[in-house]
Protein backbone atom coordinates (compact mmCIF):
# COMPACT_ATOMS: atom_id res chain seq x y z
CA UNK A 1 -41.26 0.60 13.93
CA UNK A 2 -42.65 -0.95 9.99
CA UNK A 3 -42.72 0.55 6.97
CA UNK A 4 -45.00 3.29 5.73
CA UNK A 5 -47.81 2.41 3.03
CA UNK A 6 -45.72 1.41 0.11
CA UNK A 7 -47.00 0.01 -3.45
CA UNK A 8 -47.00 -3.74 -2.96
CA UNK A 9 -44.52 -4.48 -5.34
CA UNK A 10 -41.81 -2.58 -3.81
CA UNK A 11 -43.26 -3.23 -0.29
CA UNK A 12 -42.48 -7.51 -2.29
CA UNK A 13 -39.03 -6.77 -2.88
CA UNK A 14 -38.11 -5.55 0.70
CA UNK A 15 -39.97 -8.80 2.15
CA UNK A 16 -37.06 -10.46 -0.52
CA UNK A 17 -34.33 -8.88 0.92
CA UNK A 18 -35.14 -8.98 4.55
CA UNK A 19 -36.15 -5.77 5.53
CA UNK A 20 -38.12 -5.54 8.47
CA UNK A 21 -38.41 -2.07 9.05
CA UNK A 22 -36.63 0.82 8.11
CA UNK A 23 -33.61 2.78 8.90
CA UNK A 24 -33.38 6.33 10.30
CA UNK A 25 -32.71 7.86 6.97
CA UNK A 26 -35.51 5.80 5.26
CA UNK A 27 -38.14 6.79 7.72
CA UNK A 28 -37.37 10.04 7.39
CA UNK A 29 -37.32 10.65 3.65
CA UNK A 30 -41.29 8.50 3.67
CA UNK A 31 -42.69 10.83 6.24
CA UNK A 32 -45.87 12.73 4.76
CA UNK A 33 -44.27 15.94 5.52
CA UNK A 34 -41.72 14.84 2.41
CA UNK A 35 -44.21 14.03 -0.17
CA UNK A 36 -43.12 15.66 -3.73
CA UNK A 37 -40.52 18.25 -2.12
CA UNK A 38 -36.75 18.95 -2.70
CA UNK A 39 -34.91 17.17 0.21
CA UNK A 40 -31.57 17.78 1.01
CA UNK A 41 -30.35 15.00 3.41
CA UNK A 42 -27.27 14.81 5.55
CA UNK A 43 -26.58 10.99 6.04
CA UNK A 44 -23.62 8.91 6.30
CA UNK A 45 -22.27 5.76 4.06
CA UNK A 46 -23.94 2.68 5.53
CA UNK A 47 -27.15 3.98 6.53
CA UNK A 48 -29.59 2.70 3.59
CA UNK A 49 -29.90 5.88 1.88
CA UNK A 50 -29.58 3.97 -1.68
CA UNK A 51 -33.01 2.29 -0.95
CA UNK A 52 -34.31 5.39 1.19
CA UNK A 53 -34.19 7.80 -2.14
CA UNK A 54 -35.10 4.89 -4.26
CA UNK A 55 -38.34 4.59 -2.28
CA UNK A 56 -38.65 8.10 -1.93
CA UNK A 57 -38.83 9.06 -5.89
CA UNK A 58 -41.28 5.70 -6.24
CA UNK A 59 -44.40 7.85 -6.73
CA UNK A 60 -42.77 10.19 -9.36
CA UNK A 61 -41.77 7.38 -11.37
CA UNK A 62 -44.94 5.53 -10.94
CA UNK A 63 -47.49 8.21 -11.77
CA UNK A 64 -50.75 7.11 -11.82
CA UNK A 65 -49.98 3.10 -11.77
CA UNK A 66 -48.52 3.68 -8.03
CA UNK A 67 -51.65 2.16 -6.31
CA UNK A 68 -50.87 -1.03 -8.69
CA UNK A 69 -46.98 -0.50 -8.01
CA UNK A 70 -46.25 -0.64 -11.56
CA UNK A 71 -43.93 1.55 -13.91
CA UNK A 72 -44.86 2.41 -17.34
CA UNK A 73 -43.21 1.31 -20.22
CA UNK A 74 -39.72 1.78 -20.52
CA UNK A 75 -38.11 4.60 -22.83
CA UNK A 76 -36.40 8.04 -21.68
CA UNK A 77 -35.59 7.73 -18.17
CA UNK A 78 -37.35 9.00 -15.60
CA UNK A 79 -34.86 9.23 -13.04
CA UNK A 80 -31.25 10.21 -12.68
CA UNK A 81 -28.91 9.26 -9.84
CA UNK A 82 -25.64 10.72 -10.06
CA UNK A 83 -22.66 9.49 -8.08
CA UNK A 84 -18.97 10.22 -7.74
CA UNK A 85 -17.38 6.73 -8.37
CA UNK A 86 -18.12 4.08 -11.29
CA UNK A 87 -18.00 1.83 -8.07
CA UNK A 88 -21.09 3.35 -6.52
CA UNK A 89 -22.84 4.13 -9.48
CA UNK A 90 -22.58 0.64 -10.03
CA UNK A 91 -23.73 -0.76 -6.91
CA UNK A 92 -26.49 2.18 -7.19
CA UNK A 93 -27.78 0.30 -10.32
CA UNK A 94 -27.78 -2.84 -8.41
CA UNK A 95 -29.92 -2.17 -5.41
CA UNK A 96 -32.25 0.33 -7.61
CA UNK A 97 -32.60 -3.08 -10.06
CA UNK A 98 -34.10 -5.47 -7.06
CA UNK A 99 -36.16 -2.91 -5.40
CA UNK A 100 -37.92 -1.91 -8.86
CA UNK A 101 -37.65 -5.43 -10.39
CA UNK A 102 -41.28 -6.40 -9.16
CA UNK A 103 -42.60 -3.23 -10.60
CA UNK A 104 -41.29 -4.44 -13.98
CA UNK A 105 -38.08 -1.47 -13.59
CA UNK A 106 -35.40 -1.34 -15.87
CA UNK A 107 -32.47 0.38 -14.59
CA UNK A 108 -29.11 1.57 -16.72
CA UNK A 109 -25.80 2.39 -15.79
CA UNK A 110 -23.20 5.22 -17.38
CA UNK A 111 -19.92 5.34 -15.72
CA UNK A 112 -16.36 5.99 -16.73
CA UNK A 113 -14.23 3.59 -18.07
CA UNK A 114 -16.77 1.17 -19.66
CA UNK A 115 -17.84 0.89 -23.41
CA UNK A 116 -20.09 4.02 -24.52
CA UNK A 117 -21.63 1.89 -27.72
CA UNK A 118 -22.92 -0.46 -25.06
CA UNK A 119 -24.08 2.24 -22.63
CA UNK A 120 -25.97 3.97 -25.68
CA UNK A 121 -27.47 0.72 -26.72
CA UNK A 122 -29.02 0.37 -23.45
CA UNK A 123 -30.21 3.68 -23.26
CA UNK A 124 -31.90 3.52 -26.64
CA UNK A 125 -33.51 0.20 -25.72
CA UNK A 126 -35.22 2.19 -22.86
CA UNK A 127 -35.11 2.40 -18.97
CA UNK A 128 -36.58 4.24 -16.09
CA UNK A 129 -33.49 5.01 -14.16
CA UNK A 130 -30.08 6.10 -15.15
CA UNK A 131 -27.25 5.71 -12.43
CA UNK A 132 -24.00 7.28 -13.60
CA UNK A 133 -20.71 9.29 -13.14
CA UNK A 134 -20.98 12.74 -13.70
CA UNK A 135 -18.64 13.23 -16.54
CA UNK A 136 -19.75 10.05 -18.49
CA UNK A 137 -23.65 11.31 -18.03
CA UNK A 138 -22.60 14.96 -19.18
CA UNK A 139 -21.38 13.39 -22.30
CA UNK A 140 -24.45 11.31 -23.01
CA UNK A 141 -26.50 13.97 -22.80
CA UNK A 142 -24.18 16.36 -24.76
CA UNK A 143 -24.33 13.35 -27.69
CA UNK A 144 -28.14 13.45 -27.70
CA UNK A 145 -28.12 10.11 -25.99
CA UNK A 146 -29.75 10.57 -23.08
CA UNK A 147 -32.49 12.59 -22.96
CA UNK A 148 -33.24 14.56 -19.95
CA UNK A 149 -36.88 16.17 -21.20
CA UNK A 150 -38.54 13.26 -19.33
CA UNK A 151 -36.70 13.35 -16.29
CA UNK A 152 -39.04 13.87 -13.02
CA UNK A 153 -36.32 13.44 -9.90
CA UNK A 154 -32.67 13.92 -10.04
CA UNK A 155 -30.78 12.35 -7.13
CA UNK A 156 -27.14 13.40 -6.47
CA UNK A 157 -25.47 11.00 -3.90
CA UNK A 158 -22.53 11.75 -2.11
CA UNK A 159 -22.45 15.52 -3.46
CA UNK A 160 -19.63 16.81 -1.06
CA UNK A 161 -17.78 14.00 -2.02
CA UNK A 162 -18.54 15.20 -5.85
CA UNK A 163 -17.42 18.89 -5.12
CA UNK A 164 -14.38 17.96 -3.50
CA UNK A 165 -13.58 15.56 -6.43
CA UNK A 166 -14.06 18.51 -9.06
CA UNK A 167 -17.47 17.76 -10.48
CA UNK A 168 -18.75 20.76 -9.82
CA UNK A 169 -19.32 22.01 -13.89
CA UNK A 170 -20.25 18.70 -15.09
CA UNK A 171 -23.30 18.41 -12.07
CA UNK A 172 -24.54 22.26 -13.07
CA UNK A 173 -24.26 21.32 -16.95
CA UNK A 174 -26.59 18.28 -15.99
CA UNK A 175 -28.76 20.10 -13.50
CA UNK A 176 -29.28 22.70 -16.37
CA UNK A 177 -30.66 20.74 -18.88
CA UNK A 178 -33.04 19.10 -16.63
CA UNK A 179 -36.85 20.03 -16.99
CA UNK A 180 -37.30 22.79 -14.08
CA UNK A 181 -40.26 21.01 -12.85
CA UNK A 182 -38.29 18.23 -11.78
CA UNK A 183 -37.62 17.05 -7.89
CA UNK A 184 -34.49 17.06 -6.55
CA UNK A 185 -32.95 15.29 -4.11
CA UNK A 186 -29.68 15.84 -2.24
CA UNK A 187 -27.93 13.14 -0.18
CA UNK A 188 -24.56 14.49 1.60
CA UNK A 189 -22.22 13.26 4.43
CA UNK A 190 -22.04 16.84 5.66
CA UNK A 191 -23.85 20.07 4.09
CA UNK A 192 -20.66 22.70 4.18
CA UNK A 193 -21.17 25.74 2.26
CA UNK A 194 -20.47 24.77 -1.36
CA UNK A 195 -23.50 21.94 -0.67
CA UNK A 196 -25.70 24.67 0.37
CA UNK A 197 -25.19 27.09 -2.37
CA UNK A 198 -25.99 24.55 -4.81
CA UNK A 199 -29.10 23.47 -2.86
CA UNK A 200 -30.07 27.03 -2.86
CA UNK A 201 -29.55 27.36 -6.85
CA UNK A 202 -31.05 24.05 -8.01
CA UNK A 203 -33.36 23.04 -5.43
CA UNK A 204 -37.28 25.10 -4.75
CA UNK A 205 -37.73 24.93 -1.09
CA UNK A 206 -36.29 22.23 -0.12
CA UNK A 207 -36.91 20.07 3.42
CA UNK A 208 -33.65 19.85 5.14
CA UNK A 209 -33.05 16.56 7.13
CA UNK A 210 -31.05 15.54 9.27
CA UNK A 211 -31.24 11.72 9.78
CA UNK A 212 -31.77 10.72 13.18
CA UNK A 213 -28.99 8.62 14.77
CA UNK A 214 -27.14 8.95 11.39
CA UNK A 215 -24.28 8.02 13.60
CA UNK A 216 -26.15 4.43 14.25
CA UNK A 217 -24.70 2.88 11.35
CA UNK A 218 -21.49 2.96 13.75
CA UNK A 219 -22.93 1.17 16.54
CA UNK A 220 -21.83 -2.21 15.47
CA UNK A 221 -18.36 -0.81 15.02
CA UNK A 222 -15.67 -1.40 17.16
CA UNK A 223 -12.78 1.23 17.11
CA UNK A 224 -9.12 0.49 17.66
CA UNK A 225 -5.79 2.25 17.98
CA UNK A 226 -2.97 0.45 17.71
CA UNK A 227 0.29 2.24 18.69
CA UNK A 228 3.10 1.71 16.54
CA UNK A 229 6.55 2.77 16.37
CA UNK A 230 7.59 5.17 13.09
CA UNK A 231 8.54 3.22 10.29
CA UNK A 232 6.86 -0.02 10.94
CA UNK A 233 3.27 0.65 9.30
CA UNK A 234 3.53 -2.49 7.21
CA UNK A 235 4.65 -4.47 9.91
CA UNK A 236 2.25 -3.36 11.60
CA UNK A 237 -0.77 -4.35 8.66
CA UNK A 238 0.51 -7.78 8.68
CA UNK A 239 -0.05 -8.43 11.91
CA UNK A 240 -3.21 -6.94 12.16
CA UNK A 241 -4.15 -9.01 9.60
CA UNK A 242 -3.17 -11.65 11.11
CA UNK A 243 -4.82 -11.05 14.81
CA UNK A 244 -7.72 -10.35 13.86
CA UNK A 245 -8.04 -12.86 10.58
CA UNK A 246 -11.60 -11.39 9.06
CA UNK A 247 -12.90 -13.02 6.28
CA UNK A 248 -12.96 -9.66 4.41
CA UNK A 249 -10.44 -6.81 4.80
CA UNK A 250 -10.10 -3.27 3.64
CA UNK A 251 -6.40 -1.76 4.01
CA UNK A 252 -6.83 2.15 3.36
CA UNK A 253 -3.71 4.32 2.24
CA UNK A 254 -3.60 8.11 1.15
CA UNK A 255 -1.64 7.83 -2.30
CA UNK A 256 -1.49 5.14 -5.37
CA UNK A 257 2.04 4.90 -4.99
CA UNK A 258 1.38 3.46 -1.00
CA UNK A 259 -1.14 1.07 -2.23
CA UNK A 260 1.35 -0.16 -4.58
CA UNK A 261 3.77 -0.66 -2.47
CA UNK A 262 1.50 -2.43 0.22
CA UNK A 263 -0.26 -4.75 -1.99
CA UNK A 264 2.99 -6.27 -3.31
CA UNK A 265 4.60 -6.54 0.12
CA UNK A 266 1.40 -8.38 1.51
CA UNK A 267 1.33 -10.22 -1.41
CA UNK A 268 4.93 -11.51 -1.12
CA UNK A 269 4.10 -12.15 2.14
CA UNK A 270 1.73 -14.62 1.54
CA UNK A 271 -1.71 -12.64 1.59
CA UNK A 272 -4.26 -13.42 -1.28
CA UNK A 273 -4.49 -9.63 -1.66
CA UNK A 274 -5.47 -7.13 -4.44
CA UNK A 275 -5.32 -3.23 -4.60
CA UNK A 276 -7.76 -0.38 -6.33
CA UNK A 277 -6.21 2.93 -7.52
CA UNK A 278 -7.14 5.13 -9.89
CA UNK A 279 -4.96 3.97 -12.44
CA UNK A 280 -6.16 0.74 -12.81
CA UNK A 281 -8.68 0.71 -15.65
CA UNK A 282 -12.13 -0.63 -15.46
CA UNK A 283 -11.59 -4.08 -16.02
CA UNK A 284 -9.13 -4.26 -13.62
CA UNK A 285 -10.93 -3.23 -11.11
CA UNK A 286 -13.96 -5.12 -11.83
CA UNK A 287 -11.71 -8.10 -11.65
CA UNK A 288 -10.10 -7.06 -8.29
CA UNK A 289 -14.08 -6.45 -6.77
CA UNK A 290 -15.06 -10.00 -8.12
CA UNK A 291 -12.19 -11.96 -6.37
CA UNK A 292 -13.14 -10.27 -3.61
CA UNK A 293 -16.65 -11.65 -3.56
CA UNK A 294 -16.54 -14.95 -4.93
CA UNK A 295 -13.63 -15.30 -1.94
CA UNK A 296 -10.12 -15.82 -3.98
CA UNK A 297 -9.08 -12.36 -2.30
CA UNK A 298 -9.36 -11.77 1.32
CA UNK A 299 -7.59 -8.42 1.90
CA UNK A 300 -8.05 -5.17 -0.46
CA UNK A 301 -5.78 -2.04 -0.23
CA UNK A 302 -7.39 0.85 -1.71
CA UNK A 303 -7.22 4.64 -1.65
CA UNK A 304 -9.93 6.94 -0.44
CA UNK A 305 -11.46 7.55 -3.85
CA UNK A 306 -11.40 4.02 -5.31
CA UNK A 307 -12.59 2.22 -2.46
CA UNK A 308 -16.11 4.89 -2.92
CA UNK A 309 -19.11 2.87 -3.16
CA UNK A 310 -17.33 -0.48 -2.54
CA UNK A 311 -20.26 -3.20 -0.45
CA UNK A 312 -18.42 -6.00 -0.03
CA UNK A 313 -20.07 -9.01 1.93
CA UNK A 314 -18.42 -10.37 5.10
CA UNK A 315 -16.08 -7.24 5.59
CA UNK A 316 -15.13 -7.37 8.99
CA UNK A 317 -12.28 -5.45 9.33
CA UNK A 318 -11.20 -1.75 8.16
CA UNK A 319 -7.29 -1.10 8.68
CA UNK A 320 -6.23 2.69 8.42
CA UNK A 321 -2.57 1.96 7.38
CA UNK A 322 -2.69 5.76 6.87
CA UNK A 323 -4.76 8.10 9.09
CA UNK A 324 -7.52 10.17 7.39
CA UNK A 325 -7.36 13.52 6.99
CA UNK A 326 -10.58 14.36 8.40
CA UNK A 327 -13.54 12.90 10.44
CA UNK A 328 -15.42 12.19 7.57
CA UNK A 329 -13.30 10.25 5.67
CA UNK A 330 -12.52 8.71 8.92
CA UNK A 331 -16.57 7.55 9.32
CA UNK A 332 -16.82 6.63 5.57
CA UNK A 333 -13.81 4.34 5.27
CA UNK A 334 -15.29 2.86 9.10
CA UNK A 335 -18.64 2.41 7.54
CA UNK A 336 -17.51 0.16 4.92
CA UNK A 337 -17.75 -2.62 8.11
CA UNK A 338 -20.76 -3.29 10.60
CA UNK A 339 -22.99 -2.86 8.21
CA UNK A 340 -26.72 -4.63 7.89
CA UNK A 341 -26.41 -5.74 11.53
CA UNK A 342 -23.14 -7.57 11.51
CA UNK A 343 -19.97 -6.34 13.73
CA UNK A 344 -16.91 -4.74 12.43
CA UNK A 345 -13.90 -3.36 13.53
CA UNK A 346 -11.92 0.01 12.43
CA UNK A 347 -8.35 -0.18 13.58
CA UNK A 348 -6.04 2.87 13.50
CA UNK A 349 -2.15 2.50 13.22
CA UNK A 350 -0.94 5.54 14.90
CA UNK A 351 2.46 6.08 15.44
CA UNK A 352 3.28 7.24 19.03
CA UNK A 353 4.64 10.50 17.86
CA UNK A 354 1.14 11.42 16.05
CA UNK A 355 -1.11 9.93 18.86
CA UNK A 356 -2.32 13.41 19.82
CA UNK A 357 -3.29 14.34 16.33
CA UNK A 358 -5.20 10.43 15.82
CA UNK A 359 -6.90 11.56 19.27
CA UNK A 360 -8.55 15.23 17.78
CA UNK A 361 -9.15 13.00 14.91
CA UNK A 362 -11.58 10.53 16.84
CA UNK A 363 -13.08 13.23 19.27
CA UNK A 364 -13.74 15.55 15.86
CA UNK A 365 -15.48 11.95 14.92
CA UNK A 366 -17.31 11.44 18.13
CA UNK A 367 -16.19 7.99 18.65
CA UNK A 368 -14.32 6.28 21.14
CA UNK A 369 -11.49 3.89 20.65
CA UNK A 370 -9.61 1.35 22.75
CA UNK A 371 -6.37 2.40 22.65
CA UNK A 372 -3.09 -0.16 22.53
CA UNK A 373 0.03 -1.23 21.16
CA UNK A 374 -0.40 -3.34 17.76
CA UNK A 375 -0.22 -6.92 18.24
CA UNK A 376 3.09 -8.76 18.54
CA UNK A 377 4.28 -12.14 17.30
CA UNK A 378 3.87 -13.58 20.02
CA UNK A 379 0.04 -12.31 20.11
CA UNK A 380 -0.34 -13.65 17.01
CA UNK A 381 0.96 -17.17 18.10
CA UNK A 382 -1.28 -17.49 21.27
CA UNK A 383 -4.15 -16.56 18.78
CA UNK A 384 -3.18 -18.95 16.26
CA UNK A 385 -2.94 -21.65 18.81
CA UNK A 386 -6.24 -21.09 19.74
CA UNK A 387 -7.64 -21.14 15.99
CA UNK A 388 -5.73 -24.19 14.94
CA UNK A 389 -6.88 -26.06 18.29
CA UNK A 390 -10.60 -25.07 17.41
CA UNK A 391 -9.91 -26.21 13.75
CA UNK A 392 -8.66 -29.63 14.56
CA UNK A 393 -11.00 -30.42 17.22
CA UNK A 394 -13.84 -29.37 14.37
CA UNK A 395 -12.15 -31.66 11.72
CA UNK A 396 -11.95 -34.34 14.38
CA UNK A 397 -15.66 -34.16 15.26
CA UNK A 398 -16.84 -34.55 11.32
CA UNK A 399 -17.69 -38.46 10.64
CA UNK A 400 -15.02 -39.95 8.28
CA UNK A 401 -15.40 -41.85 5.71
CA UNK A 402 -14.14 -45.71 5.90
CA UNK A 403 -11.04 -44.97 4.05
CA UNK A 404 -10.24 -42.30 5.98
CA UNK A 405 -10.21 -44.26 9.02
CA UNK A 406 -8.51 -47.31 8.19
CA UNK A 407 -5.30 -44.58 6.91
CA UNK A 408 -5.49 -43.08 9.85
CA UNK A 409 -5.77 -46.06 11.72
CA UNK A 410 -2.18 -47.18 9.72
CA UNK A 411 -0.77 -43.81 10.45
CA UNK A 412 -1.59 -44.70 14.30
CA UNK A 413 0.42 -48.17 14.49
CA UNK A 414 3.13 -46.68 12.82
CA UNK A 415 3.60 -43.04 14.96
CA UNK A 416 2.90 -41.93 18.51
CA UNK A 417 -0.62 -40.15 19.04
CA UNK A 418 1.34 -37.10 19.11
CA UNK A 419 3.03 -36.93 16.57
CA UNK A 420 0.23 -37.25 14.40
CA UNK A 421 -1.41 -34.67 16.11
CA UNK A 422 1.66 -32.20 15.84
CA UNK A 423 1.74 -33.06 11.96
CA UNK A 424 -1.75 -32.13 11.74
CA UNK A 425 -1.13 -29.03 13.58
CA UNK A 426 1.92 -28.40 11.05
CA UNK A 427 -0.30 -28.50 8.02
CA UNK A 428 -2.87 -26.02 9.67
CA UNK A 429 -0.22 -23.49 10.35
CA UNK A 430 1.78 -23.98 7.39
CA UNK A 431 -0.59 -21.37 5.19
CA UNK A 432 -0.21 -18.97 7.64
CA UNK A 433 1.85 -15.80 6.61
CA UNK A 434 4.29 -15.46 9.06
CA UNK A 435 3.99 -12.69 12.14
CA UNK A 436 5.99 -9.55 12.43
CA UNK A 437 8.59 -8.82 15.24
CA UNK A 438 7.12 -5.16 16.32
CA UNK A 439 8.97 -2.57 18.37
CA UNK A 440 8.04 -2.21 22.23
CA UNK A 441 5.98 0.59 22.33
CA UNK A 442 4.10 2.79 25.43
CA UNK A 443 1.07 2.85 25.95
CA UNK A 444 1.55 6.03 28.05
CA UNK A 445 1.38 9.59 25.95
CA UNK A 446 4.86 11.35 26.36
CA UNK A 447 4.96 14.50 28.68
CA UNK A 448 5.80 16.75 25.43
CA UNK A 449 2.86 15.58 23.59
CA UNK A 450 0.51 15.78 26.21
CA UNK A 451 1.57 19.56 26.44
CA UNK A 452 3.64 19.52 29.73
CA UNK A 453 6.03 22.00 30.26
CA UNK A 454 7.85 23.62 27.26
CA UNK A 455 11.05 22.67 26.55
CA UNK A 456 13.96 24.13 24.21
CA UNK A 457 13.30 23.43 20.86
CA UNK A 458 15.76 20.42 19.34
CA UNK A 459 16.43 19.63 22.74
CA UNK A 460 15.25 15.96 24.21
CA UNK A 461 12.40 16.67 26.99
CA UNK A 462 13.64 16.83 30.75
CA UNK A 463 13.33 14.07 33.29
CA UNK A 464 11.52 14.61 36.33
CA UNK A 465 13.90 16.94 38.19
CA UNK A 466 16.63 16.75 35.88
CA UNK A 467 17.95 19.83 33.72
CA UNK A 468 16.49 20.38 30.49
CA UNK A 469 18.65 18.88 27.83
CA UNK A 470 19.57 15.89 29.52
CA UNK A 471 18.86 12.70 27.81
CA UNK A 472 20.22 8.98 27.36
CA UNK A 473 23.45 8.27 25.68
CA UNK A 474 24.20 6.05 22.64
CA UNK A 475 27.16 5.33 20.91
CA UNK A 476 28.28 3.83 17.00
CA UNK A 477 31.35 2.35 16.09
CA UNK A 478 31.82 5.27 13.47
CA UNK A 479 33.41 8.59 13.53
CA UNK A 480 35.10 11.02 11.57
CA UNK A 481 37.57 8.10 10.55
CA UNK A 482 34.24 6.59 8.61
CA UNK A 483 33.07 9.78 7.05
CA UNK A 484 30.24 10.13 10.00
CA UNK A 485 28.26 13.21 9.29
CA UNK A 486 25.10 14.49 11.13
CA UNK A 487 23.31 15.19 7.92
CA UNK A 488 22.80 11.76 7.16
CA UNK A 489 23.44 10.20 10.87
CA UNK A 490 20.31 12.09 11.61
CA UNK A 491 17.78 10.36 9.48
CA UNK A 492 19.96 7.11 10.10
CA UNK A 493 19.28 7.23 13.56
CA UNK A 494 15.50 8.00 13.49
CA UNK A 495 14.70 4.72 10.95
CA UNK A 496 17.09 2.35 12.85
CA UNK A 497 15.61 3.37 16.36
CA UNK A 498 12.03 3.89 15.55
CA UNK A 499 12.19 7.66 16.80
CA UNK A 500 11.31 10.97 15.45
CA UNK A 501 14.18 14.00 14.71
CA UNK A 502 12.75 15.44 18.10
CA UNK A 503 13.54 12.61 19.87
CA UNK A 504 17.15 12.62 18.81
CA UNK A 505 19.66 15.96 21.06
CA UNK A 506 23.27 16.25 20.68
CA UNK A 507 24.98 14.30 18.06
CA UNK A 508 29.02 14.82 18.68
CA UNK A 509 31.14 13.07 16.10
CA UNK A 510 34.49 12.10 16.97
CA UNK A 511 37.83 10.18 15.73
CA UNK A 512 36.55 6.49 15.88
CA UNK A 513 33.15 6.93 17.34
CA UNK A 514 29.94 9.32 17.41
CA UNK A 515 28.11 9.75 20.54
CA UNK A 516 24.48 11.04 20.57
CA UNK A 517 21.54 11.46 22.92
CA UNK A 518 17.95 10.66 22.98
CA UNK A 519 14.91 11.67 24.82
CA UNK A 520 14.48 9.78 28.12
CA UNK A 521 11.40 8.52 27.49
CA UNK A 522 12.13 6.90 23.94
CA UNK A 523 15.69 5.36 25.18
CA UNK A 524 14.18 2.60 25.75
CA UNK A 525 12.25 2.03 22.58
CA UNK A 526 15.53 2.87 21.12
CA UNK A 527 17.68 0.52 22.38
CA UNK A 528 15.65 -2.29 21.83
CA UNK A 529 14.84 -0.74 17.91
CA UNK A 530 19.22 -0.52 17.36
CA UNK A 531 19.31 -4.25 19.23
CA UNK A 532 17.22 -5.55 16.17
CA UNK A 533 19.17 -6.83 12.84
CA UNK A 534 19.39 -4.87 10.11
CA UNK A 535 18.97 -5.92 6.80
CA UNK A 536 20.17 -2.69 5.23
CA UNK A 537 23.43 -1.25 3.86
CA UNK A 538 24.46 0.14 7.15
CA UNK A 539 24.16 -3.00 9.02
CA UNK A 540 27.84 -3.07 9.81
CA UNK A 541 27.05 -0.34 12.88
CA UNK A 542 26.71 -0.64 15.78
CA UNK A 543 24.99 1.01 18.60
CA UNK A 544 25.34 0.42 22.30
CA UNK A 545 24.66 2.68 25.39
CA UNK A 546 27.37 5.18 26.31
CA UNK A 547 28.20 7.79 28.86
CA UNK A 548 27.94 11.82 27.99
CA UNK A 549 31.33 12.68 26.42
CA UNK A 550 33.98 14.31 29.04
CA UNK A 551 32.45 12.10 31.62
CA UNK A 552 34.36 10.30 34.27
CA UNK A 553 33.84 7.34 32.55
CA UNK A 554 35.91 8.47 29.11
CA UNK A 555 39.07 8.83 31.85
CA UNK A 556 41.91 6.65 31.20
CA UNK A 557 41.28 6.54 27.29
CA UNK A 558 43.97 7.08 25.05
CA UNK A 559 41.39 9.46 22.81
CA UNK A 560 40.58 13.02 24.20
CA UNK A 561 37.77 13.14 26.87
CA UNK A 562 36.17 16.47 25.33
CA UNK A 563 35.91 16.41 21.59
CA UNK A 564 37.84 18.82 19.67
CA UNK A 565 36.51 21.82 18.83
CA UNK A 566 35.33 21.20 15.39
CA UNK A 567 33.48 18.51 16.31
CA UNK A 568 30.18 18.43 15.06
CA UNK A 569 27.40 18.89 17.76
CA UNK A 570 23.65 18.71 16.55
CA UNK A 571 20.58 19.78 18.31
CA UNK A 572 16.90 19.49 16.91
CA UNK A 573 18.39 18.76 13.21
CA UNK A 574 20.57 22.06 13.25
CA UNK A 575 24.51 21.59 13.92
CA UNK A 576 25.92 24.12 16.16
CA UNK A 577 29.35 24.78 18.09
CA UNK A 578 29.31 23.63 21.81
CA UNK A 579 31.12 26.32 23.13
CA UNK A 580 31.25 24.63 26.80
CA UNK A 581 33.33 21.68 25.18
CA UNK A 582 36.02 23.58 23.49
CA UNK A 583 39.14 25.22 25.31
CA UNK A 584 38.87 28.20 27.19
CA UNK A 585 40.64 31.14 25.29
CA UNK A 586 43.69 33.08 27.00
CA UNK A 587 42.71 36.02 28.49
CA UNK A 588 44.07 39.38 26.95
CA UNK A 589 46.31 41.52 29.60
CA UNK A 590 45.18 44.85 29.50
């Protein structure tokens, strides 16, 4: 469906950008019944909403010059666009600048972290549209640098996010300062009660629009759920980056500390990575984004807030290093890729013990993901072989200069052709970061996590036909003689064996060794992880399979087959006395 009738200058701008037909949200806001009305629009990131409200408010800005598609001379702003973050506000300025350039439009920005004096000069020079963050825009209004009296339209972009970030007071101060007859357009991914209340207070007879096919922007996104062992997130991120090998990748973490840690680890492993978090200055954020856009960096590690509004070219992969807390965040993160008709991948790293949580999250977001273990080192080496072979063939197909041919013939005269080819392959492989070895994770959801029969808290799930609490026993070469204590042994076993506390059963500390129980479904995973060399200070502790304490296999040992009465036993993180293992007390004579 083509665009409806538009002013000639806007039509020319859209043609120059290759816009052949409107997106669903653009069609909705340009429908005849929306003319001159306040709008409350539900639209997800990546749906084309910036161009949508840019076109929707054109009649308000152009006034009598709409037929010719010309704006009046720049002076006091005619429209305000309020966005939650600096990056989004600057992106809005860029989008509206090319859209209104043929009409003679001037668009300014006012955002935190930039020079307010330069912004004041830009406002004084005259502008048609001002895009900014709530705090800085309110500050310019209160200081008299931005006159709100001539504003004909105001747009609240990602209104729900602004309320979540605590900008209600700033928004209300700005809206209260604007003329009562202005037009108010609110765009929000969702419309919870606070947004509905804000719309009721500041909009007049608003037309509610739920953009048809608002999930259509995710049709070009392939969702992948990658199962990993607990405590292997950073290794899994490395392997995901190597396996998918996207031109640009955005990796999401929840906290600034996690961003800093992961960014440092990726840089240490040889990835060209930058970080975005709230603690960075505006100049640092601009340098990071510039590095991504000019190709000096290929990976950006960011928090949700810092990544708001980022639009990166060739962003082919989004990695959720930490699961988002709600479906809206999942969709917003994933919507950074799969834009403008390009394909993208959204990969969720899911610890096997959090699979149920991830399944509920995906179901709430109404997206389907394919489940598989995270790519291992062998998977990446196989992919590398394909890519390097293709790259070598491409190089061999390029017409060579005479000087290069002469050098090539000289090399072949000295070395065998396969040795020269192997040297080329080695050269092409050299810049690639080494893949990580990951613990094996089964795709099957454990019975207990699938909502199976209820089991005793702290005890490992039972095998089919086995008594509850029966698990697989292991031992380590440390006992009371080495100050073994369940209080530090339990977290050590979880870390070393990539299991959770719920998957560790009884722990029995004896004189020279400690025996402990692992849930049957996790035993093979635990054994594989425990066999891997450890690089920490506990590397001297050896773990190997064992028989239950007191079993027939202990017969003939010098140590007693049954632990002493005061030997520690651990169930589900709480020490208790195993009375079945204590010697029977003599019965009192009556």
